[in-house]
Protein backbone atom coordinates (compact mmCIF):
# COMPACT_ATOMS: atom_id res chain seq x y z
CA MET A 1 -47.95 10.34 62.24
CA ALA A 2 -46.20 8.50 59.44
CA PRO A 3 -47.46 4.91 59.37
CA ILE A 4 -45.24 2.12 58.16
CA ASP A 5 -46.33 0.86 54.79
CA TYR A 6 -49.62 -0.87 55.41
CA LEU A 7 -48.64 -3.62 52.97
CA GLN A 8 -45.74 -4.73 55.19
CA ARG A 9 -47.95 -5.27 58.20
CA SER A 10 -51.12 -6.36 56.39
CA ALA A 11 -49.15 -8.96 54.44
CA GLY A 12 -48.49 -10.72 57.72
CA ALA A 13 -45.22 -9.09 58.77
CA THR A 14 -46.62 -8.20 62.19
CA SER A 15 -44.12 -9.85 64.52
CA GLN A 16 -40.93 -8.76 62.77
CA MET A 17 -38.89 -5.79 63.95
CA ILE A 18 -38.53 -2.86 61.62
CA LEU A 19 -35.28 -1.01 62.35
CA LEU A 20 -35.24 2.72 61.67
CA PRO A 21 -31.74 4.22 61.16
CA GLY A 22 -31.02 7.89 61.71
CA ASN A 23 -28.63 10.59 60.47
CA ASP A 24 -24.94 10.95 61.31
CA TRP A 25 -24.15 7.25 60.86
CA THR A 26 -27.11 6.64 63.21
CA SER A 27 -24.85 7.42 66.16
CA ALA A 28 -26.27 6.84 69.64
CA LEU A 29 -24.30 9.92 70.70
CA SER A 30 -26.25 12.29 68.46
CA PHE A 31 -29.47 10.38 67.77
CA VAL A 32 -31.58 12.76 69.83
CA THR A 33 -29.70 16.00 69.15
CA ASP A 34 -29.29 15.68 65.36
CA ALA A 35 -33.07 15.34 64.98
CA SER A 36 -33.02 11.66 64.02
CA GLY A 37 -35.02 10.59 67.04
CA PRO A 38 -37.54 13.44 66.97
CA ALA A 39 -38.12 12.99 63.22
CA LEU A 40 -38.44 9.21 63.43
CA GLN A 41 -40.73 9.13 66.46
CA SER A 42 -43.62 9.87 64.13
CA VAL A 43 -43.04 6.55 62.31
CA VAL A 44 -45.59 4.08 63.67
CA ASN A 45 -47.50 0.95 62.72
CA PRO A 46 -50.76 1.41 60.77
CA ASP A 47 -52.69 1.09 64.04
CA GLY A 48 -50.61 3.86 65.64
CA SER A 49 -48.62 1.53 67.91
CA PHE A 50 -44.84 1.37 68.25
CA THR A 51 -44.65 -2.42 68.61
CA ASN A 52 -41.54 -3.74 66.82
CA VAL A 53 -40.75 -0.30 65.35
CA ILE A 54 -37.22 0.05 66.73
CA PHE A 55 -34.62 2.80 66.32
CA ASP A 56 -31.30 1.44 65.03
CA VAL A 57 -28.26 3.04 66.68
CA HIS A 58 -24.49 2.55 66.50
CA LYS A 59 -21.69 3.58 68.87
CA TYR A 60 -18.01 2.76 68.66
CA LEU A 61 -15.84 3.61 71.64
CA ASP A 62 -12.76 5.05 69.90
CA SER A 63 -12.02 8.79 69.74
CA ASP A 64 -13.79 9.53 66.45
CA GLY A 65 -16.56 6.96 66.83
CA SER A 66 -15.57 5.16 63.63
CA GLY A 67 -14.48 1.84 65.11
CA THR A 68 -11.11 2.11 63.40
CA GLY A 69 -9.09 3.54 66.29
CA THR A 70 -6.86 1.45 68.52
CA ILE A 71 -7.58 3.36 71.73
CA CYS A 72 -10.98 3.80 73.34
CA VAL A 73 -11.67 7.05 75.16
CA SER A 74 -14.87 6.30 77.10
CA ASP A 75 -17.60 3.76 77.74
CA GLU A 76 -19.98 6.41 76.28
CA VAL A 77 -22.51 5.77 79.05
CA GLN A 78 -22.82 9.38 80.22
CA ALA A 79 -22.32 10.98 76.80
CA ALA A 80 -24.46 8.70 74.62
CA PHE A 81 -26.28 5.79 76.23
CA ALA A 82 -27.80 7.43 79.33
CA PRO A 83 -29.25 10.45 77.46
CA LEU A 84 -30.61 8.17 74.73
CA ALA A 85 -32.14 5.77 77.26
CA SER A 86 -33.81 8.69 79.04
CA TRP A 87 -35.22 10.07 75.78
CA LEU A 88 -36.48 6.64 74.73
CA ARG A 89 -38.25 6.14 78.06
CA CYS A 90 -39.84 9.59 77.89
CA ASN A 91 -41.15 8.81 74.42
CA GLY A 92 -42.14 5.19 75.00
CA ARG A 93 -39.80 3.95 72.28
CA GLN A 94 -36.99 1.42 71.93
CA ALA A 95 -33.59 1.32 70.25
CA LEU A 96 -31.32 -1.52 69.27
CA LEU A 97 -27.55 -1.01 69.37
CA SER A 98 -26.76 -2.89 66.17
CA GLU A 99 -23.11 -1.84 65.85
CA THR A 100 -20.52 -1.23 68.55
CA GLY A 101 -16.94 -2.10 69.27
CA GLY A 102 -13.42 -1.20 70.19
CA SER A 103 -9.97 -2.64 69.73
CA SER A 104 -8.41 -5.43 71.80
CA ASP A 105 -6.61 -2.82 73.91
CA THR A 106 -7.15 -3.41 77.64
CA THR A 107 -8.81 -0.01 78.05
CA CYS A 108 -11.24 -0.78 75.23
CA LEU A 109 -12.16 -4.09 76.81
CA THR A 110 -12.82 -2.37 80.14
CA TYR A 111 -14.94 0.33 78.51
CA MET A 112 -16.81 -2.22 76.39
CA CYS A 113 -17.67 -4.28 79.48
CA SER A 114 -18.90 -1.12 81.21
CA ALA A 115 -21.04 -0.12 78.22
CA ILE A 116 -22.56 -3.59 77.91
CA ALA A 117 -23.29 -3.68 81.65
CA TYR A 118 -25.13 -0.35 81.33
CA LEU A 119 -27.09 -1.55 78.29
CA ASN A 120 -28.09 -4.77 80.06
CA ALA A 121 -29.14 -2.86 83.17
CA ASN A 122 -31.22 -0.48 81.07
CA SER A 123 -32.84 -2.86 78.61
CA ASP A 124 -36.10 -2.79 80.58
CA GLY A 125 -36.51 -6.44 79.65
CA GLU A 126 -37.74 -5.64 76.15
CA LEU A 127 -34.84 -6.46 73.82
CA ASN A 128 -31.46 -8.01 74.52
CA GLU A 129 -28.55 -5.61 74.24
CA SER A 130 -30.90 -2.74 73.56
CA LEU A 131 -31.94 0.52 75.07
CA ALA A 132 -35.61 0.64 75.92
């Protein structure tokens, strides 16, 4: 296991979240499959716990996932959020969706509402607007 710098936690930073970004623009879509999640799951607190050691993920709903498109293609629940939530539960970890979005197009608004509803229903009460 790779403990977080002991100085951070021993200096009193015990209640603060530490966000761990991954590869591939830390995309929720590929967080598990591009090895970000598996590589980062070894990062723990000095005592071996996962408390407040949170994976940082992003997911935009446009066709290339950049957030620059004007048309959204999916709510990304089945492709990104559900597989990530399942992996997080299996590994006892948490993730925070720190970046998401779509344009003001009606389809984007519908997909965004659907994605947020899924995230809220799958937060397991741990973190707002997170996957846990």
